[in-house]
Amino acid sequence: MKYSLFLPQGWLMDLSSIQSPVEAYEAMTHTAQTADEVGYESVWLVDHVHTAPQSSQALIFESWTSTAALARDTKRVRIGQMVSCNGYRNPALLAKMASTVDVLSHGRLTVGIGAGSGQQEHYAYGYEWLETPERLSQLSEAVHVLQAMWTQEEAIFEGNYYQVHGAINQPKGVQKPHIPLLIGGNGEKVTLKLVAKYGDACNIGEDVETIGHKLAILQHHCENVGRNYQNIYRTAGTICMVADTDEEALARVPEKMKEVLGTMMHSVLIGSLDTIRRRITAYEAVGIQELVIRFPDPFQLFELYIDVPLVSRYSRWEM
């Protein structure tokens, strides 16, 4: 199992205690640099422009400009979005942006993309919010555009939503055959079929039992399209809070976060080390290869663990 980190970006008010935008960015990038140093596999940003669970005046950093900055602020760790909202950017331009960031990072970028969430955000920023089937159709076309821009000398694509007519994208990035594409979402009929056909990686944010079911569906789609299921890198999001006892760990989790997690509470990494070991084993058993971890207080994580000999136990989970 590999372990990665959601960065404090402002989306969940996780930078609200810092008044200065400059200091808030430095806190975010310091977290990324620390993750880089102690052995996390990758760091991830969300693609939202308003805070959650309610929109507020608290700051939140935009995803792709932050990705570019982090590409220069870090040295080893991979960088990605969980996931880019397809409706926010033309996919041909997104491909160009990604190619540039892959160069900036010396080949450490993963592009995450999904159909998008956050209807209120779309409305506030003037983006059209289409019904789910249309957004999924747009996502399918966007994936084709991305791959065309990364693999063709003059990209050609003619769809209902997107068209490119001999678009040149140089440089195409560092990684070969192209930048890895993570397709987020777990819709069984459309999204997971898209992953089976075109995704290099997927992310499923559900409880372990549901993840197992979704990955079985993905494997079935792979068989139908002649794709090797093992060639798709499988990730899941989780929350982590470590304490001496399960009760103590649970008490430290904010009530709003408990409400959001719902049925995932019995799967996520909240509890004693023994409990967390068992839950990691459960993720592995259903086929997850990398856990993307959100700490309720990521700054506390590093304050508590970074300077002690047990750092690897908490950061790399070498247990």
C-alpha atoms as a PDB file:
ATOM      1  CA  MET A   1       0.000   0.000   0.000  1.00  0.00           C
ATOM      2  CA  LYS A   2       1.160   3.510  -0.819  1.00  0.00           C
ATOM      3  CA  TYR A   3       0.037   6.617   1.061  1.00  0.00           C
ATOM      4  CA  SER A   4      -0.684  10.102  -0.184  1.00  0.00           C
ATOM      5  CA  LEU A   5      -1.948  13.346   1.268  1.00  0.00           C
ATOM      6  CA  PHE A   6      -4.727  15.830   0.607  1.00  0.00           C
ATOM      7  CA  LEU A   7      -3.158  19.238   1.155  1.00  0.00           C
ATOM      8  CA  PRO A   8      -4.781  21.978   3.258  1.00  0.00           C
ATOM      9  CA  GLN A   9      -6.063  24.242   0.493  1.00  0.00           C
ATOM     10  CA  GLY A  10      -8.896  26.122   2.163  1.00  0.00           C
ATOM     11  CA  TRP A  11     -11.780  24.085   0.776  1.00  0.00           C
ATOM     12  CA  LEU A  12     -12.795  22.618   4.146  1.00  0.00           C
ATOM     13  CA  MET A  13     -11.870  25.811   6.011  1.00  0.00           C
ATOM     14  CA  ASP A  14      -8.547  24.192   6.859  1.00  0.00           C
ATOM     15  CA  LEU A  15      -6.658  27.469   6.371  1.00  0.00           C
ATOM     16  CA  SER A  16      -9.236  29.681   8.090  1.00  0.00           C
ATOM     17  CA  SER A  17      -7.077  30.208  11.177  1.00  0.00           C
ATOM     18  CA  ILE A  18      -4.447  31.973   9.048  1.00  0.00           C
ATOM     19  CA  GLN A  19      -5.304  35.573   8.200  1.00  0.00           C
ATOM     20  CA  SER A  20      -2.597  36.362   5.658  1.00  0.00           C
ATOM     21  CA  PRO A  21      -3.070  34.786   2.187  1.00  0.00           C
ATOM     22  CA  VAL A  22       0.701  34.646   1.778  1.00  0.00           C
ATOM     23  CA  GLU A  23       1.124  32.824   5.085  1.00  0.00           C
ATOM     24  CA  ALA A  24      -1.739  30.492   4.176  1.00  0.00           C
ATOM     25  CA  TYR A  25      -0.036  29.538   0.927  1.00  0.00           C
ATOM     26  CA  GLU A  26       3.241  29.007   2.748  1.00  0.00           C
ATOM     27  CA  ALA A  27       1.438  26.695   5.176  1.00  0.00           C
ATOM     28  CA  MET A  28       0.016  24.689   2.269  1.00  0.00           C
ATOM     29  CA  THR A  29       3.323  24.389   0.459  1.00  0.00           C
ATOM     30  CA  HIS A  30       5.187  23.597   3.698  1.00  0.00           C
ATOM     31  CA  THR A  31       2.813  20.676   4.183  1.00  0.00           C
ATOM     32  CA  ALA A  32       3.618  19.489   0.656  1.00  0.00           C
ATOM     33  CA  GLN A  33       7.342  19.864   1.252  1.00  0.00           C
ATOM     34  CA  THR A  34       7.119  17.923   4.501  1.00  0.00           C
ATOM     35  CA  ALA A  35       5.167  15.154   2.769  1.00  0.00           C
ATOM     36  CA  ASP A  36       7.875  15.189   0.099  1.00  0.00           C
ATOM     37  CA  GLU A  37      10.597  14.734   2.691  1.00  0.00           C
ATOM     38  CA  VAL A  38       9.019  12.029   4.851  1.00  0.00           C
ATOM     39  CA  GLY A  39       7.963   9.658   2.089  1.00  0.00           C
ATOM     40  CA  TYR A  40       4.379  10.202   0.964  1.00  0.00           C
ATOM     41  CA  GLU A  41       3.762   8.970  -2.578  1.00  0.00           C
ATOM     42  CA  SER A  42       1.839  12.027  -3.783  1.00  0.00           C
ATOM     43  CA  VAL A  43       0.005  15.172  -2.721  1.00  0.00           C
ATOM     44  CA  TRP A  44      -3.407  16.197  -4.014  1.00  0.00           C
ATOM     45  CA  LEU A  45      -5.527  19.294  -4.415  1.00  0.00           C
ATOM     46  CA  VAL A  46      -9.270  19.575  -4.906  1.00  0.00           C
ATOM     47  CA  ASP A  47     -10.770  21.630  -7.735  1.00  0.00           C
ATOM     48  CA  HIS A  48     -13.245  23.876  -5.956  1.00  0.00           C
ATOM     49  CA  VAL A  49     -13.529  27.650  -5.876  1.00  0.00           C
ATOM     50  CA  HIS A  50     -15.861  28.000  -2.858  1.00  0.00           C
ATOM     51  CA  THR A  51     -15.408  26.613   0.626  1.00  0.00           C
ATOM     52  CA  ALA A  52     -17.407  23.690   2.002  1.00  0.00           C
ATOM     53  CA  PRO A  53     -19.703  22.614   3.538  1.00  0.00           C
ATOM     54  CA  GLN A  54     -21.011  26.179   3.053  1.00  0.00           C
ATOM     55  CA  SER A  55     -19.691  28.934   0.838  1.00  0.00           C
ATOM     56  CA  SER A  56     -17.918  31.576   2.884  1.00  0.00           C
ATOM     57  CA  GLN A  57     -15.453  34.437   2.619  1.00  0.00           C
ATOM     58  CA  ALA A  58     -12.634  32.188   3.835  1.00  0.00           C
ATOM     59  CA  LEU A  59      -9.787  31.812   1.367  1.00  0.00           C
ATOM     60  CA  ILE A  60      -9.344  28.846  -0.948  1.00  0.00           C
ATOM     61  CA  PHE A  61      -6.535  28.462  -3.473  1.00  0.00           C
ATOM     62  CA  GLU A  62      -7.302  27.598  -7.097  1.00  0.00           C
ATOM     63  CA  SER A  63      -6.237  24.100  -8.043  1.00  0.00           C
ATOM     64  CA  TRP A  64      -4.172  24.335 -11.227  1.00  0.00           C
ATOM     65  CA  THR A  65      -2.205  27.474 -10.436  1.00  0.00           C
ATOM     66  CA  SER A  66      -1.413  25.898  -7.073  1.00  0.00           C
ATOM     67  CA  THR A  67      -0.377  22.674  -8.810  1.00  0.00           C
ATOM     68  CA  ALA A  68       2.105  24.630 -10.928  1.00  0.00           C
ATOM     69  CA  ALA A  69       3.534  26.338  -7.851  1.00  0.00           C
ATOM     70  CA  LEU A  70       3.840  23.058  -5.968  1.00  0.00           C
ATOM     71  CA  ALA A  71       5.629  21.547  -8.944  1.00  0.00           C
ATOM     72  CA  ARG A  72       8.457  23.979  -8.249  1.00  0.00           C
ATOM     73  CA  ASP A  73       8.187  23.900  -4.446  1.00  0.00           C
ATOM     74  CA  THR A  74       8.661  20.112  -4.183  1.00  0.00           C
ATOM     75  CA  LYS A  75      11.286  17.708  -5.498  1.00  0.00           C
ATOM     76  CA  ARG A  76      10.151  14.069  -5.363  1.00  0.00           C
ATOM     77  CA  VAL A  77       6.488  13.662  -4.490  1.00  0.00           C
ATOM     78  CA  ARG A  78       3.915  13.288  -7.258  1.00  0.00           C
ATOM     79  CA  ILE A  79       1.282  16.031  -7.638  1.00  0.00           C
ATOM     80  CA  GLY A  80      -2.309  15.840  -8.836  1.00  0.00           C
ATOM     81  CA  GLN A  81      -5.905  17.013  -8.595  1.00  0.00           C
ATOM     82  CA  MET A  82      -8.689  15.010  -6.972  1.00  0.00           C
ATOM     83  CA  VAL A  83     -10.178  15.809  -9.415  1.00  0.00           C
ATOM     84  CA  SER A  84     -10.255  18.597 -12.008  1.00  0.00           C
ATOM     85  CA  CYS A  85     -13.815  19.694 -12.731  1.00  0.00           C
ATOM     86  CA  ASN A  86     -14.273  19.181 -16.459  1.00  0.00           C
ATOM     87  CA  GLY A  87     -16.688  22.078 -16.808  1.00  0.00           C
ATOM     88  CA  TYR A  88     -14.212  24.672 -15.561  1.00  0.00           C
ATOM     89  CA  ARG A  89     -11.681  24.431 -18.413  1.00  0.00           C
ATOM     90  CA  ASN A  90     -11.644  23.656 -22.106  1.00  0.00           C
ATOM     91  CA  PRO A  91      -9.984  20.213 -22.307  1.00  0.00           C
ATOM     92  CA  ALA A  92      -7.564  21.219 -25.072  1.00  0.00           C
ATOM     93  CA  LEU A  93      -6.280  24.089 -22.945  1.00  0.00           C
ATOM     94  CA  LEU A  94      -6.234  21.810 -19.894  1.00  0.00           C
ATOM     95  CA  ALA A  95      -4.034  19.387 -21.823  1.00  0.00           C
ATOM     96  CA  LYS A  96      -1.650  22.227 -22.660  1.00  0.00           C
ATOM     97  CA  MET A  97      -1.593  23.384 -19.034  1.00  0.00           C
ATOM     98  CA  ALA A  98      -0.910  19.844 -17.858  1.00  0.00           C
ATOM     99  CA  SER A  99       1.915  19.373 -20.346  1.00  0.00           C
ATOM    100  CA  THR A 100       3.571  22.527 -19.054  1.00  0.00           C
ATOM    101  CA  VAL A 101       3.155  21.512 -15.405  1.00  0.00           C
ATOM    102  CA  ASP A 102       4.570  18.069 -16.153  1.00  0.00           C
ATOM    103  CA  VAL A 103       7.711  19.796 -17.417  1.00  0.00           C
ATOM    104  CA  LEU A 104       7.788  22.125 -14.399  1.00  0.00           C
ATOM    105  CA  SER A 105       7.638  19.100 -12.102  1.00  0.00           C
ATOM    106  CA  HIS A 106      10.174  17.087 -14.130  1.00  0.00           C
ATOM    107  CA  GLY A 107       7.540  14.439 -14.815  1.00  0.00           C
ATOM    108  CA  ARG A 108       5.679  14.153 -11.499  1.00  0.00           C
ATOM    109  CA  LEU A 109       2.142  15.136 -12.548  1.00  0.00           C
ATOM    110  CA  THR A 110      -1.006  13.031 -12.506  1.00  0.00           C
ATOM    111  CA  VAL A 111      -4.043  14.670 -14.104  1.00  0.00           C
ATOM    112  CA  GLY A 112      -7.257  13.900 -12.271  1.00  0.00           C
ATOM    113  CA  ILE A 113     -10.521  14.678 -14.048  1.00  0.00           C
ATOM    114  CA  GLY A 114     -14.197  14.123 -13.355  1.00  0.00           C
ATOM    115  CA  ALA A 115     -17.637  15.243 -14.443  1.00  0.00           C
ATOM    116  CA  GLY A 116     -17.699  17.917 -11.749  1.00  0.00           C
ATOM    117  CA  SER A 117     -19.577  18.670  -8.567  1.00  0.00           C
ATOM    118  CA  GLY A 118     -20.716  21.812  -6.826  1.00  0.00           C
ATOM    119  CA  GLN A 119     -23.759  23.205  -8.600  1.00  0.00           C
ATOM    120  CA  GLN A 120     -23.711  26.401  -6.546  1.00  0.00           C
ATOM    121  CA  GLU A 121     -20.088  27.068  -7.486  1.00  0.00           C
ATOM    122  CA  HIS A 122     -20.884  26.716 -11.162  1.00  0.00           C
ATOM    123  CA  TYR A 123     -23.760  29.144 -10.894  1.00  0.00           C
ATOM    124  CA  ALA A 124     -21.743  31.665  -8.876  1.00  0.00           C
ATOM    125  CA  TYR A 125     -18.892  31.688 -11.405  1.00  0.00           C
ATOM    126  CA  GLY A 126     -21.172  31.769 -14.432  1.00  0.00           C
ATOM    127  CA  TYR A 127     -20.626  28.196 -15.606  1.00  0.00           C
ATOM    128  CA  GLU A 128     -23.518  26.198 -16.987  1.00  0.00           C
ATOM    129  CA  TRP A 129     -24.594  23.307 -14.778  1.00  0.00           C
ATOM    130  CA  LEU A 130     -25.846  20.517 -17.009  1.00  0.00           C
ATOM    131  CA  GLU A 131     -27.724  17.418 -15.950  1.00  0.00           C
ATOM    132  CA  THR A 132     -25.592  14.425 -14.995  1.00  0.00           C
ATOM    133  CA  PRO A 133     -25.926  12.495 -18.306  1.00  0.00           C
ATOM    134  CA  GLU A 134     -24.755  15.545 -20.262  1.00  0.00           C
ATOM    135  CA  ARG A 135     -21.848  16.197 -17.921  1.00  0.00           C
ATOM    136  CA  LEU A 136     -20.788  12.574 -18.289  1.00  0.00           C
ATOM    137  CA  SER A 137     -20.976  12.887 -22.077  1.00  0.00           C
ATOM    138  CA  GLN A 138     -18.815  15.991 -21.844  1.00  0.00           C
ATOM    139  CA  LEU A 139     -16.340  14.116 -19.656  1.00  0.00           C
ATOM    140  CA  SER A 140     -16.085  11.309 -22.195  1.00  0.00           C
ATOM    141  CA  GLU A 141     -15.300  13.772 -24.969  1.00  0.00           C
ATOM    142  CA  ALA A 142     -12.833  15.647 -22.765  1.00  0.00           C
ATOM    143  CA  VAL A 143     -10.884  12.442 -22.121  1.00  0.00           C
ATOM    144  CA  HIS A 144     -10.579  11.918 -25.880  1.00  0.00           C
ATOM    145  CA  VAL A 145      -9.365  15.493 -26.336  1.00  0.00           C
ATOM    146  CA  LEU A 146      -6.758  15.155 -23.586  1.00  0.00           C
ATOM    147  CA  GLN A 147      -5.353  11.985 -25.076  1.00  0.00           C
ATOM    148  CA  ALA A 148      -5.320  13.464 -28.576  1.00  0.00           C
ATOM    149  CA  MET A 149      -3.448  16.538 -27.360  1.00  0.00           C
ATOM    150  CA  TRP A 150      -0.880  14.361 -25.571  1.00  0.00           C
ATOM    151  CA  THR A 151      -0.280  11.844 -28.367  1.00  0.00           C
ATOM    152  CA  GLN A 152      -0.975  13.441 -31.777  1.00  0.00           C
ATOM    153  CA  GLU A 153       1.264  15.946 -33.537  1.00  0.00           C
ATOM    154  CA  GLU A 154      -1.801  17.886 -34.658  1.00  0.00           C
ATOM    155  CA  ALA A 155      -4.756  16.863 -32.525  1.00  0.00           C
ATOM    156  CA  ILE A 156      -8.069  16.242 -34.263  1.00  0.00           C
ATOM    157  CA  PHE A 157     -11.367  15.635 -32.493  1.00  0.00           C
ATOM    158  CA  GLU A 158     -14.938  16.377 -33.508  1.00  0.00           C
ATOM    159  CA  GLY A 159     -17.520  15.917 -30.774  1.00  0.00           C
ATOM    160  CA  ASN A 160     -20.862  17.341 -29.762  1.00  0.00           C
ATOM    161  CA  TYR A 161     -19.299  19.483 -27.035  1.00  0.00           C
ATOM    162  CA  TYR A 162     -15.622  19.864 -27.982  1.00  0.00           C
ATOM    163  CA  GLN A 163     -13.718  20.186 -31.235  1.00  0.00           C
ATOM    164  CA  VAL A 164     -10.024  20.564 -31.989  1.00  0.00           C
ATOM    165  CA  HIS A 165      -8.754  21.150 -35.504  1.00  0.00           C
ATOM    166  CA  GLY A 166      -5.069  20.375 -35.820  1.00  0.00           C
ATOM    167  CA  ALA A 167      -4.136  21.690 -32.377  1.00  0.00           C
ATOM    168  CA  ILE A 168      -0.385  21.643 -31.704  1.00  0.00           C
ATOM    169  CA  ASN A 169       0.760  20.960 -28.151  1.00  0.00           C
ATOM    170  CA  GLN A 170       4.497  21.227 -27.606  1.00  0.00           C
ATOM    171  CA  PRO A 171       5.985  20.215 -25.291  1.00  0.00           C
ATOM    172  CA  LYS A 172       3.662  17.334 -24.527  1.00  0.00           C
ATOM    173  CA  GLY A 173       5.208  16.783 -21.118  1.00  0.00           C
ATOM    174  CA  VAL A 174       7.933  14.541 -19.763  1.00  0.00           C
ATOM    175  CA  GLN A 175       6.191  11.240 -19.002  1.00  0.00           C
ATOM    176  CA  LYS A 176       5.777   8.542 -21.650  1.00  0.00           C
ATOM    177  CA  PRO A 177       3.630   7.508 -23.390  1.00  0.00           C
ATOM    178  CA  HIS A 178       1.739  10.451 -21.870  1.00  0.00           C
ATOM    179  CA  ILE A 179       0.851  12.068 -18.548  1.00  0.00           C
ATOM    180  CA  PRO A 180      -1.108   9.589 -16.373  1.00  0.00           C
ATOM    181  CA  LEU A 181      -4.851  10.255 -16.358  1.00  0.00           C
ATOM    182  CA  LEU A 182      -6.904   9.523 -13.236  1.00  0.00           C
ATOM    183  CA  ILE A 183     -10.659   9.474 -13.837  1.00  0.00           C
ATOM    184  CA  GLY A 184     -12.615  10.149 -10.658  1.00  0.00           C
ATOM    185  CA  GLY A 185     -16.090   8.895  -9.832  1.00  0.00           C
ATOM    186  CA  ASN A 186     -17.790   5.564  -9.364  1.00  0.00           C
ATOM    187  CA  GLY A 187     -20.832   5.552 -11.650  1.00  0.00           C
ATOM    188  CA  GLU A 188     -21.149   1.961 -12.778  1.00  0.00           C
ATOM    189  CA  LYS A 189     -22.611   2.423 -16.262  1.00  0.00           C
ATOM    190  CA  VAL A 190     -20.607   5.365 -17.597  1.00  0.00           C
ATOM    191  CA  THR A 191     -17.711   6.516 -15.405  1.00  0.00           C
ATOM    192  CA  LEU A 192     -16.226   3.116 -14.590  1.00  0.00           C
ATOM    193  CA  LYS A 193     -16.580   2.104 -18.226  1.00  0.00           C
ATOM    194  CA  LEU A 194     -14.623   5.234 -19.136  1.00  0.00           C
ATOM    195  CA  VAL A 195     -11.944   4.221 -16.643  1.00  0.00           C
ATOM    196  CA  ALA A 196     -11.781   0.757 -18.188  1.00  0.00           C
ATOM    197  CA  LYS A 197     -11.274   2.184 -21.663  1.00  0.00           C
ATOM    198  CA  TYR A 198      -9.067   5.201 -21.053  1.00  0.00           C
ATOM    199  CA  GLY A 199      -8.044   5.656 -17.418  1.00  0.00           C
ATOM    200  CA  ASP A 200      -4.557   5.059 -16.095  1.00  0.00           C
ATOM    201  CA  ALA A 201      -5.906   5.350 -12.553  1.00  0.00           C
ATOM    202  CA  CYS A 202      -9.175   5.694 -10.673  1.00  0.00           C
ATOM    203  CA  ASN A 203     -10.304   7.019  -7.305  1.00  0.00           C
ATOM    204  CA  ILE A 204     -13.301   5.783  -5.351  1.00  0.00           C
ATOM    205  CA  GLY A 205     -14.322   7.575  -2.168  1.00  0.00           C
ATOM    206  CA  GLU A 206     -16.665   5.113  -0.495  1.00  0.00           C
ATOM    207  CA  ASP A 207     -16.713   2.624   2.355  1.00  0.00           C
ATOM    208  CA  VAL A 208     -14.649  -0.508   1.835  1.00  0.00           C
ATOM    209  CA  GLU A 209     -17.578  -2.762   0.958  1.00  0.00           C
ATOM    210  CA  THR A 210     -18.794  -0.353  -1.722  1.00  0.00           C
ATOM    211  CA  ILE A 211     -15.265   0.059  -3.076  1.00  0.00           C
ATOM    212  CA  GLY A 212     -15.020  -3.706  -3.469  1.00  0.00           C
ATOM    213  CA  HIS A 213     -18.296  -3.747  -5.394  1.00  0.00           C
ATOM    214  CA  LYS A 214     -17.260  -0.852  -7.647  1.00  0.00           C
ATOM    215  CA  LEU A 215     -13.890  -2.420  -8.435  1.00  0.00           C
ATOM    216  CA  ALA A 216     -15.620  -5.677  -9.366  1.00  0.00           C
ATOM    217  CA  ILE A 217     -17.743  -3.679 -11.827  1.00  0.00           C
ATOM    218  CA  LEU A 218     -14.595  -2.018 -13.164  1.00  0.00           C
ATOM    219  CA  GLN A 219     -12.957  -5.405 -13.639  1.00  0.00           C
ATOM    220  CA  HIS A 220     -16.017  -6.591 -15.577  1.00  0.00           C
ATOM    221  CA  HIS A 221     -15.833  -3.532 -17.850  1.00  0.00           C
ATOM    222  CA  CYS A 222     -12.129  -4.216 -18.417  1.00  0.00           C
ATOM    223  CA  GLU A 223     -12.907  -7.758 -19.509  1.00  0.00           C
ATOM    224  CA  ASN A 224     -15.537  -6.471 -21.938  1.00  0.00           C
ATOM    225  CA  VAL A 225     -13.162  -3.995 -23.607  1.00  0.00           C
ATOM    226  CA  GLY A 226     -10.093  -6.249 -23.540  1.00  0.00           C
ATOM    227  CA  ARG A 227      -8.194  -4.186 -20.971  1.00  0.00           C
ATOM    228  CA  ASN A 228      -5.942  -5.634 -18.288  1.00  0.00           C
ATOM    229  CA  TYR A 229      -7.560  -4.604 -14.995  1.00  0.00           C
ATOM    230  CA  GLN A 230      -4.178  -4.744 -13.259  1.00  0.00           C
ATOM    231  CA  ASN A 231      -2.937  -1.907 -15.480  1.00  0.00           C
ATOM    232  CA  ILE A 232      -5.365   0.518 -13.814  1.00  0.00           C
ATOM    233  CA  TYR A 233      -3.943   2.070 -10.648  1.00  0.00           C
ATOM    234  CA  ARG A 234      -6.599   1.992  -7.937  1.00  0.00           C
ATOM    235  CA  THR A 235      -6.813   4.683  -5.251  1.00  0.00           C
ATOM    236  CA  ALA A 236      -9.293   5.640  -2.548  1.00  0.00           C
ATOM    237  CA  GLY A 237      -9.759   8.650  -0.318  1.00  0.00           C
ATOM    238  CA  THR A 238      -9.863   8.329   3.455  1.00  0.00           C
ATOM    239  CA  ILE A 239      -9.649  10.300   6.700  1.00  0.00           C
ATOM    240  CA  CYS A 240      -7.017   9.672   9.365  1.00  0.00           C
ATOM    241  CA  MET A 241      -7.015  10.385  13.083  1.00  0.00           C
ATOM    242  CA  VAL A 242      -4.650   8.391  15.299  1.00  0.00           C
ATOM    243  CA  ALA A 243      -4.936   8.082  19.084  1.00  0.00           C
ATOM    244  CA  ASP A 244      -4.216   5.581  21.826  1.00  0.00           C
ATOM    245  CA  THR A 245      -7.804   4.307  21.707  1.00  0.00           C
ATOM    246  CA  ASP A 246     -10.597   4.258  19.134  1.00  0.00           C
ATOM    247  CA  GLU A 247     -12.780   6.345  21.417  1.00  0.00           C
ATOM    248  CA  GLU A 248     -10.147   9.038  21.812  1.00  0.00           C
ATOM    249  CA  ALA A 249      -9.547   9.209  18.064  1.00  0.00           C
ATOM    250  CA  LEU A 250     -13.251   9.438  17.308  1.00  0.00           C
ATOM    251  CA  ALA A 251     -13.701  12.216  19.847  1.00  0.00           C
ATOM    252  CA  ARG A 252     -11.103  14.306  18.018  1.00  0.00           C
ATOM    253  CA  VAL A 253     -12.949  14.203  14.692  1.00  0.00           C
ATOM    254  CA  PRO A 254     -15.160  17.285  14.128  1.00  0.00           C
ATOM    255  CA  GLU A 255     -18.883  16.543  14.186  1.00  0.00           C
ATOM    256  CA  LYS A 256     -19.427  18.030  10.724  1.00  0.00           C
ATOM    257  CA  MET A 257     -16.816  15.678   9.317  1.00  0.00           C
ATOM    258  CA  LYS A 258     -18.542  12.717  10.953  1.00  0.00           C
ATOM    259  CA  GLU A 259     -21.792  13.755   9.266  1.00  0.00           C
ATOM    260  CA  VAL A 260     -20.101  13.999   5.880  1.00  0.00           C
ATOM    261  CA  LEU A 261     -18.418  10.607   6.270  1.00  0.00           C
ATOM    262  CA  GLY A 262     -21.635   8.794   7.151  1.00  0.00           C
ATOM    263  CA  THR A 263     -21.285   5.068   6.454  1.00  0.00           C
ATOM    264  CA  MET A 264     -17.570   5.509   5.709  1.00  0.00           C
ATOM    265  CA  MET A 265     -16.890   5.977   9.431  1.00  0.00           C
ATOM    266  CA  HIS A 266     -16.435   2.232   9.916  1.00  0.00           C
ATOM    267  CA  SER A 267     -13.850   2.078   7.105  1.00  0.00           C
ATOM    268  CA  VAL A 268     -11.699   5.188   7.397  1.00  0.00           C
ATOM    269  CA  LEU A 269      -8.437   5.356   9.344  1.00  0.00           C
ATOM    270  CA  ILE A 270      -9.771   6.615  12.661  1.00  0.00           C
ATOM    271  CA  GLY A 271      -8.702   4.815  15.816  1.00  0.00           C
ATOM    272  CA  SER A 272      -5.771   3.146  17.490  1.00  0.00           C
ATOM    273  CA  LEU A 273      -2.846   1.776  15.504  1.00  0.00           C
ATOM    274  CA  ASP A 274      -4.310  -1.728  15.737  1.00  0.00           C
ATOM    275  CA  THR A 275      -7.629  -0.526  14.317  1.00  0.00           C
ATOM    276  CA  ILE A 276      -5.886   1.345  11.529  1.00  0.00           C
ATOM    277  CA  ARG A 277      -3.795  -1.709  10.644  1.00  0.00           C
ATOM    278  CA  ARG A 278      -6.977  -3.758  10.263  1.00  0.00           C
ATOM    279  CA  ARG A 279      -8.650  -1.109   8.135  1.00  0.00           C
ATOM    280  CA  ILE A 280      -5.642  -0.732   5.856  1.00  0.00           C
ATOM    281  CA  THR A 281      -5.695  -4.502   5.378  1.00  0.00           C
ATOM    282  CA  ALA A 282      -9.379  -4.251   4.422  1.00  0.00           C
ATOM    283  CA  TYR A 283      -8.620  -1.629   1.763  1.00  0.00           C
ATOM    284  CA  GLU A 284      -5.839  -3.833   0.400  1.00  0.00           C
ATOM    285  CA  ALA A 285      -8.113  -6.871   0.345  1.00  0.00           C
ATOM    286  CA  VAL A 286     -10.576  -5.214  -2.052  1.00  0.00           C
ATOM    287  CA  GLY A 287      -7.795  -4.087  -4.384  1.00  0.00           C
ATOM    288  CA  ILE A 288      -6.845  -0.545  -3.355  1.00  0.00           C
ATOM    289  CA  GLN A 289      -3.189   0.267  -4.044  1.00  0.00           C
ATOM    290  CA  GLU A 290      -2.944   3.803  -2.685  1.00  0.00           C
ATOM    291  CA  LEU A 291      -4.816   5.675   0.047  1.00  0.00           C
ATOM    292  CA  VAL A 292      -5.164   9.437  -0.289  1.00  0.00           C
ATOM    293  CA  ILE A 293      -5.406  10.648   3.296  1.00  0.00           C
ATOM    294  CA  ARG A 294      -7.033  13.760   4.685  1.00  0.00           C
ATOM    295  CA  PHE A 295      -6.127  14.679   8.245  1.00  0.00           C
ATOM    296  CA  PRO A 296      -8.744  16.757  10.107  1.00  0.00           C
ATOM    297  CA  ASP A 297      -5.835  18.924  11.246  1.00  0.00           C
ATOM    298  CA  PRO A 298      -2.903  18.385   8.855  1.00  0.00           C
ATOM    299  CA  PHE A 299      -0.733  20.932  10.663  1.00  0.00           C
ATOM    300  CA  GLN A 300      -1.167  19.044  13.917  1.00  0.00           C
ATOM    301  CA  LEU A 301      -0.030  15.889  12.144  1.00  0.00           C
ATOM    302  CA  PHE A 302       3.357  17.321  11.376  1.00  0.00           C
ATOM    303  CA  GLU A 303       3.707  19.146  14.700  1.00  0.00           C
ATOM    304  CA  LEU A 304       3.116  15.900  16.552  1.00  0.00           C
ATOM    305  CA  TYR A 305       4.954  13.390  14.408  1.00  0.00           C
ATOM    306  CA  ILE A 306       7.563  14.931  12.177  1.00  0.00           C
ATOM    307  CA  ASP A 307      10.289  15.358  14.781  1.00  0.00           C
ATOM    308  CA  VAL A 308       9.980  12.017  16.548  1.00  0.00           C
ATOM    309  CA  PRO A 309      11.504   8.631  15.744  1.00  0.00           C
ATOM    310  CA  LEU A 310       8.086   7.141  14.987  1.00  0.00           C
ATOM    311  CA  VAL A 311       7.565   9.437  12.004  1.00  0.00           C
ATOM    312  CA  SER A 312       7.678   6.563   9.524  1.00  0.00           C
ATOM    313  CA  ARG A 313       4.949   4.777  11.445  1.00  0.00           C
ATOM    314  CA  TYR A 314       2.605   7.690  10.932  1.00  0.00           C
ATOM    315  CA  SER A 315       3.685   8.996   7.552  1.00  0.00           C
ATOM    316  CA  ARG A 316       4.625   5.873   5.608  1.00  0.00           C
ATOM    317  CA  TRP A 317       2.553   3.455   7.700  1.00  0.00           C
ATOM    318  CA  GLU A 318       5.395   0.957   7.932  1.00  0.00           C
ATOM    319  CA  MET A 319       3.641  -1.063  10.579  1.00  0.00           C
END
